[in-house]
Amino acid sequence: MDLLAPGVGLMFWQLVIFLVVFFLLRALAWKPIMSSLKTRDAMIDDSIKQAETARDEVAQMKADNEYLLQEARAERDKIVNDALAVANKIKEEAKSETSVIADKMLQDAKATIQNEKKAALTEVKDLVGSLSLEIAEKVMREKLSDDASQKSLVDKFLKDVKVN
């Protein structure tokens, strides 16, 4: 049974070796390990803070971009509405100018027609007058071809004329 129960001397030496190894590790290994763990912990904390800051900045940028997008849409809508208003105004002005021009052309056409009508009537009157004179001249020549008819016509005109 000696094998199962350790001896007191063995336990003493194991305790002494454990304490020596413990103090050597504490003096030589624990300080560098702990300092590297603290450095690593600080670096992880800084990384987490930087990630949170970056996330907040991204959220702020996203909100700013959304605001700018809304402003751009509003500006686009305003520009489109202004352009439509200008186009409608130009169209209405063109319609009114067209109607004014059409009215003027109609009045000019009426005036031209009236002038042409007057000119045609004047020409017809002149033509009728000249034809009447020619006809009257021919009739008079026929009627007054002999001396007796000329004498009777002169007498008739003299009777119509009253002498005072």
C-alpha atoms as a PDB file:
ATOM      1  CA  MET A   1       0.000   0.000   0.000  1.00  0.00           C
ATOM      2  CA  ASP A   2       2.921   2.268   0.034  1.00  0.00           C
ATOM      3  CA  LEU A   3       2.398   3.046  -3.486  1.00  0.00           C
ATOM      4  CA  LEU A   4      -0.943   4.607  -2.975  1.00  0.00           C
ATOM      5  CA  ALA A   5      -0.079   6.854  -0.030  1.00  0.00           C
ATOM      6  CA  PRO A   6       2.696   9.361  -0.606  1.00  0.00           C
ATOM      7  CA  GLY A   7       5.374   9.944   1.977  1.00  0.00           C
ATOM      8  CA  VAL A   8       5.711  13.094   4.067  1.00  0.00           C
ATOM      9  CA  GLY A   9       9.180  13.889   2.717  1.00  0.00           C
ATOM     10  CA  LEU A  10       7.956  13.639  -0.846  1.00  0.00           C
ATOM     11  CA  MET A  11       5.103  15.982  -0.110  1.00  0.00           C
ATOM     12  CA  PHE A  12       7.467  18.458   1.548  1.00  0.00           C
ATOM     13  CA  TRP A  13       9.780  18.540  -1.427  1.00  0.00           C
ATOM     14  CA  GLN A  14       6.872  18.852  -3.843  1.00  0.00           C
ATOM     15  CA  LEU A  15       5.583  21.815  -1.833  1.00  0.00           C
ATOM     16  CA  VAL A  16       9.014  23.472  -1.831  1.00  0.00           C
ATOM     17  CA  ILE A  17       9.426  22.934  -5.596  1.00  0.00           C
ATOM     18  CA  PHE A  18       5.875  24.227  -6.226  1.00  0.00           C
ATOM     19  CA  LEU A  19       6.581  27.398  -4.182  1.00  0.00           C
ATOM     20  CA  VAL A  20       9.902  27.990  -5.942  1.00  0.00           C
ATOM     21  CA  VAL A  21       8.281  27.516  -9.356  1.00  0.00           C
ATOM     22  CA  PHE A  22       5.346  29.696  -8.237  1.00  0.00           C
ATOM     23  CA  PHE A  23       7.610  32.575  -7.120  1.00  0.00           C
ATOM     24  CA  LEU A  24       9.785  32.271 -10.223  1.00  0.00           C
ATOM     25  CA  LEU A  25       6.716  32.338 -12.468  1.00  0.00           C
ATOM     26  CA  ARG A  26       5.269  35.242 -10.471  1.00  0.00           C
ATOM     27  CA  ALA A  27       8.477  37.227 -10.697  1.00  0.00           C
ATOM     28  CA  LEU A  28       9.350  36.414 -14.275  1.00  0.00           C
ATOM     29  CA  ALA A  29       6.154  35.386 -16.158  1.00  0.00           C
ATOM     30  CA  TRP A  30       3.130  36.917 -14.387  1.00  0.00           C
ATOM     31  CA  LYS A  31       4.177  40.555 -14.830  1.00  0.00           C
ATOM     32  CA  PRO A  32       4.770  40.337 -18.616  1.00  0.00           C
ATOM     33  CA  ILE A  33       1.649  38.200 -19.097  1.00  0.00           C
ATOM     34  CA  MET A  34      -0.479  40.597 -17.008  1.00  0.00           C
ATOM     35  CA  SER A  35       0.924  43.682 -18.728  1.00  0.00           C
ATOM     36  CA  SER A  36       0.276  42.173 -22.166  1.00  0.00           C
ATOM     37  CA  LEU A  37      -3.274  41.247 -21.051  1.00  0.00           C
ATOM     38  CA  LYS A  38      -3.843  44.827 -19.800  1.00  0.00           C
ATOM     39  CA  THR A  39      -2.459  46.204 -23.047  1.00  0.00           C
ATOM     40  CA  ARG A  40      -4.660  43.845 -25.018  1.00  0.00           C
ATOM     41  CA  ASP A  41      -7.684  44.778 -22.858  1.00  0.00           C
ATOM     42  CA  ALA A  42      -7.011  48.498 -23.413  1.00  0.00           C
ATOM     43  CA  MET A  43      -6.592  47.919 -27.145  1.00  0.00           C
ATOM     44  CA  ILE A  44      -9.901  45.982 -27.276  1.00  0.00           C
ATOM     45  CA  ASP A  45     -11.643  48.785 -25.323  1.00  0.00           C
ATOM     46  CA  ASP A  46     -10.218  51.394 -27.735  1.00  0.00           C
ATOM     47  CA  SER A  47     -11.297  49.319 -30.720  1.00  0.00           C
ATOM     48  CA  ILE A  48     -14.820  49.002 -29.291  1.00  0.00           C
ATOM     49  CA  LYS A  49     -14.968  52.773 -28.672  1.00  0.00           C
ATOM     50  CA  GLN A  50     -13.683  53.475 -32.193  1.00  0.00           C
ATOM     51  CA  ALA A  51     -16.230  51.047 -33.650  1.00  0.00           C
ATOM     52  CA  GLU A  52     -19.028  52.760 -31.712  1.00  0.00           C
ATOM     53  CA  THR A  53     -17.779  56.174 -32.850  1.00  0.00           C
ATOM     54  CA  ALA A  54     -17.581  54.972 -36.444  1.00  0.00           C
ATOM     55  CA  ARG A  55     -21.082  53.482 -36.183  1.00  0.00           C
ATOM     56  CA  ASP A  56     -22.410  56.787 -34.798  1.00  0.00           C
ATOM     57  CA  GLU A  57     -20.647  58.700 -37.592  1.00  0.00           C
ATOM     58  CA  VAL A  58     -22.099  56.352 -40.205  1.00  0.00           C
ATOM     59  CA  ALA A  59     -25.567  56.812 -38.707  1.00  0.00           C
ATOM     60  CA  GLN A  60     -25.094  60.598 -38.744  1.00  0.00           C
ATOM     61  CA  MET A  61     -23.853  60.476 -42.350  1.00  0.00           C
ATOM     62  CA  LYS A  62     -26.825  58.341 -43.295  1.00  0.00           C
ATOM     63  CA  ALA A  63     -29.206  60.839 -41.678  1.00  0.00           C
ATOM     64  CA  ASP A  64     -27.404  63.729 -43.410  1.00  0.00           C
ATOM     65  CA  ASN A  65     -27.566  61.916 -46.753  1.00  0.00           C
ATOM     66  CA  GLU A  66     -31.282  61.277 -46.285  1.00  0.00           C
ATOM     67  CA  TYR A  67     -31.835  64.945 -45.459  1.00  0.00           C
ATOM     68  CA  LEU A  68     -29.817  66.036 -48.509  1.00  0.00           C
ATOM     69  CA  LEU A  69     -31.736  63.565 -50.664  1.00  0.00           C
ATOM     70  CA  GLN A  70     -35.050  64.995 -49.441  1.00  0.00           C
ATOM     71  CA  GLU A  71     -33.817  68.526 -50.136  1.00  0.00           C
ATOM     72  CA  ALA A  72     -32.682  67.497 -53.631  1.00  0.00           C
ATOM     73  CA  ARG A  73     -36.069  65.922 -54.326  1.00  0.00           C
ATOM     74  CA  ALA A  74     -37.858  69.042 -53.107  1.00  0.00           C
ATOM     75  CA  GLU A  75     -35.608  71.222 -55.262  1.00  0.00           C
ATOM     76  CA  ARG A  76     -36.191  68.942 -58.256  1.00  0.00           C
ATOM     77  CA  ASP A  77     -39.958  69.123 -57.735  1.00  0.00           C
ATOM     78  CA  LYS A  78     -39.765  72.916 -57.471  1.00  0.00           C
ATOM     79  CA  ILE A  79     -37.703  73.158 -60.658  1.00  0.00           C
ATOM     80  CA  VAL A  80     -40.090  70.844 -62.524  1.00  0.00           C
ATOM     81  CA  ASN A  81     -43.131  72.813 -61.336  1.00  0.00           C
ATOM     82  CA  ASP A  82     -41.483  76.111 -62.288  1.00  0.00           C
ATOM     83  CA  ALA A  83     -40.590  74.722 -65.711  1.00  0.00           C
ATOM     84  CA  LEU A  84     -44.170  73.525 -66.230  1.00  0.00           C
ATOM     85  CA  ALA A  85     -45.502  76.938 -65.194  1.00  0.00           C
ATOM     86  CA  VAL A  86     -43.136  78.687 -67.603  1.00  0.00           C
ATOM     87  CA  ALA A  87     -44.054  76.263 -70.398  1.00  0.00           C
ATOM     88  CA  ASN A  88     -47.767  76.849 -69.800  1.00  0.00           C
ATOM     89  CA  LYS A  89     -47.213  80.618 -69.743  1.00  0.00           C
ATOM     90  CA  ILE A  90     -45.261  80.471 -72.997  1.00  0.00           C
ATOM     91  CA  LYS A  91     -47.967  78.295 -74.548  1.00  0.00           C
ATOM     92  CA  GLU A  92     -50.707  80.718 -73.461  1.00  0.00           C
ATOM     93  CA  GLU A  93     -48.718  83.688 -74.779  1.00  0.00           C
ATOM     94  CA  ALA A  94     -48.203  81.884 -78.073  1.00  0.00           C
ATOM     95  CA  LYS A  95     -51.936  81.161 -78.268  1.00  0.00           C
ATOM     96  CA  SER A  96     -52.842  84.784 -77.573  1.00  0.00           C
ATOM     97  CA  GLU A  97     -50.239  86.036 -80.068  1.00  0.00           C
ATOM     98  CA  THR A  98     -51.535  83.567 -82.633  1.00  0.00           C
ATOM     99  CA  SER A  99     -55.114  84.718 -82.110  1.00  0.00           C
ATOM    100  CA  VAL A 100     -54.027  88.383 -82.351  1.00  0.00           C
ATOM    101  CA  ILE A 101     -52.115  87.635 -85.549  1.00  0.00           C
ATOM    102  CA  ALA A 102     -55.046  85.642 -86.935  1.00  0.00           C
ATOM    103  CA  ASP A 103     -57.438  88.494 -86.112  1.00  0.00           C
ATOM    104  CA  LYS A 104     -55.116  91.006 -87.768  1.00  0.00           C
ATOM    105  CA  MET A 105     -54.776  88.789 -90.827  1.00  0.00           C
ATOM    106  CA  LEU A 106     -58.571  88.432 -90.957  1.00  0.00           C
ATOM    107  CA  GLN A 107     -59.027  92.199 -90.690  1.00  0.00           C
ATOM    108  CA  ASP A 108     -56.358  92.761 -93.333  1.00  0.00           C
ATOM    109  CA  ALA A 109     -58.059  90.227 -95.597  1.00  0.00           C
ATOM    110  CA  LYS A 110     -61.434  91.921 -95.057  1.00  0.00           C
ATOM    111  CA  ALA A 111     -59.914  95.333 -95.785  1.00  0.00           C
ATOM    112  CA  THR A 112     -58.209  93.941 -98.893  1.00  0.00           C
ATOM    113  CA  ILE A 113     -61.477  92.377-100.030  1.00  0.00           C
ATOM    114  CA  GLN A 114     -63.320  95.660 -99.403  1.00  0.00           C
ATOM    115  CA  ASN A 115     -60.683  97.624-101.337  1.00  0.00           C
ATOM    116  CA  GLU A 116     -60.768  95.096-104.168  1.00  0.00           C
ATOM    117  CA  LYS A 117     -64.580  95.321-104.173  1.00  0.00           C
ATOM    118  CA  LYS A 118     -64.474  99.128-104.354  1.00  0.00           C
ATOM    119  CA  ALA A 119     -61.861  98.994-107.088  1.00  0.00           C
ATOM    120  CA  ALA A 120     -63.938  96.458-109.021  1.00  0.00           C
ATOM    121  CA  LEU A 121     -67.092  98.586-108.602  1.00  0.00           C
ATOM    122  CA  THR A 122     -65.211 101.678-109.721  1.00  0.00           C
ATOM    123  CA  GLU A 123     -63.858  99.806-112.694  1.00  0.00           C
ATOM    124  CA  VAL A 124     -67.329  98.478-113.517  1.00  0.00           C
ATOM    125  CA  LYS A 125     -68.787 102.000-113.221  1.00  0.00           C
ATOM    126  CA  ASP A 126     -66.067 103.389-115.451  1.00  0.00           C
ATOM    127  CA  LEU A 127     -66.649 100.597-117.935  1.00  0.00           C
ATOM    128  CA  VAL A 128     -70.440 101.098-117.830  1.00  0.00           C
ATOM    129  CA  GLY A 129     -69.945 104.846-118.256  1.00  0.00           C
ATOM    130  CA  SER A 130     -67.623 104.460-121.223  1.00  0.00           C
ATOM    131  CA  LEU A 131     -69.897 101.821-122.774  1.00  0.00           C
ATOM    132  CA  SER A 132     -72.907 104.091-122.221  1.00  0.00           C
ATOM    133  CA  LEU A 133     -71.111 106.965-123.913  1.00  0.00           C
ATOM    134  CA  GLU A 134     -70.108 104.785-126.835  1.00  0.00           C
ATOM    135  CA  ILE A 135     -73.654 103.451-127.164  1.00  0.00           C
ATOM    136  CA  ALA A 136     -75.112 106.940-126.849  1.00  0.00           C
ATOM    137  CA  GLU A 137     -72.647 108.248-129.416  1.00  0.00           C
ATOM    138  CA  LYS A 138     -73.542 105.471-131.836  1.00  0.00           C
ATOM    139  CA  VAL A 139     -77.247 105.984-131.255  1.00  0.00           C
ATOM    140  CA  MET A 140     -76.878 109.727-131.731  1.00  0.00           C
ATOM    141  CA  ARG A 141     -74.927 109.276-134.916  1.00  0.00           C
ATOM    142  CA  GLU A 142     -77.579 106.974-136.238  1.00  0.00           C
ATOM    143  CA  LYS A 143     -80.428 109.237-135.250  1.00  0.00           C
ATOM    144  CA  LEU A 144     -78.731 112.435-136.248  1.00  0.00           C
ATOM    145  CA  SER A 145     -77.378 111.232-139.515  1.00  0.00           C
ATOM    146  CA  ASP A 146     -79.774 113.330-141.491  1.00  0.00           C
ATOM    147  CA  ASP A 147     -80.266 117.106-141.205  1.00  0.00           C
ATOM    148  CA  ALA A 148     -83.958 117.008-140.349  1.00  0.00           C
ATOM    149  CA  SER A 149     -83.509 114.925-137.233  1.00  0.00           C
ATOM    150  CA  GLN A 150     -80.629 117.170-136.096  1.00  0.00           C
ATOM    151  CA  LYS A 151     -82.795 120.269-136.530  1.00  0.00           C
ATOM    152  CA  SER A 152     -85.698 118.749-134.596  1.00  0.00           C
ATOM    153  CA  LEU A 153     -83.378 117.750-131.741  1.00  0.00           C
ATOM    154  CA  VAL A 154     -81.883 121.268-131.512  1.00  0.00           C
ATOM    155  CA  ASP A 155     -85.388 122.752-131.470  1.00  0.00           C
ATOM    156  CA  LYS A 156     -86.432 120.406-128.740  1.00  0.00           C
ATOM    157  CA  PHE A 157     -83.414 121.371-126.598  1.00  0.00           C
ATOM    158  CA  LEU A 158     -84.116 125.030-127.133  1.00  0.00           C
ATOM    159  CA  LYS A 159     -87.699 124.598-125.970  1.00  0.00           C
ATOM    160  CA  ASP A 160     -86.500 122.895-122.800  1.00  0.00           C
ATOM    161  CA  VAL A 161     -84.146 125.722-122.026  1.00  0.00           C
ATOM    162  CA  LYS A 162     -85.975 128.656-120.514  1.00  0.00           C
ATOM    163  CA  VAL A 163     -84.573 132.001-121.285  1.00  0.00           C
ATOM    164  CA  ASN A 164     -85.088 134.763-118.704  1.00  0.00           C
END
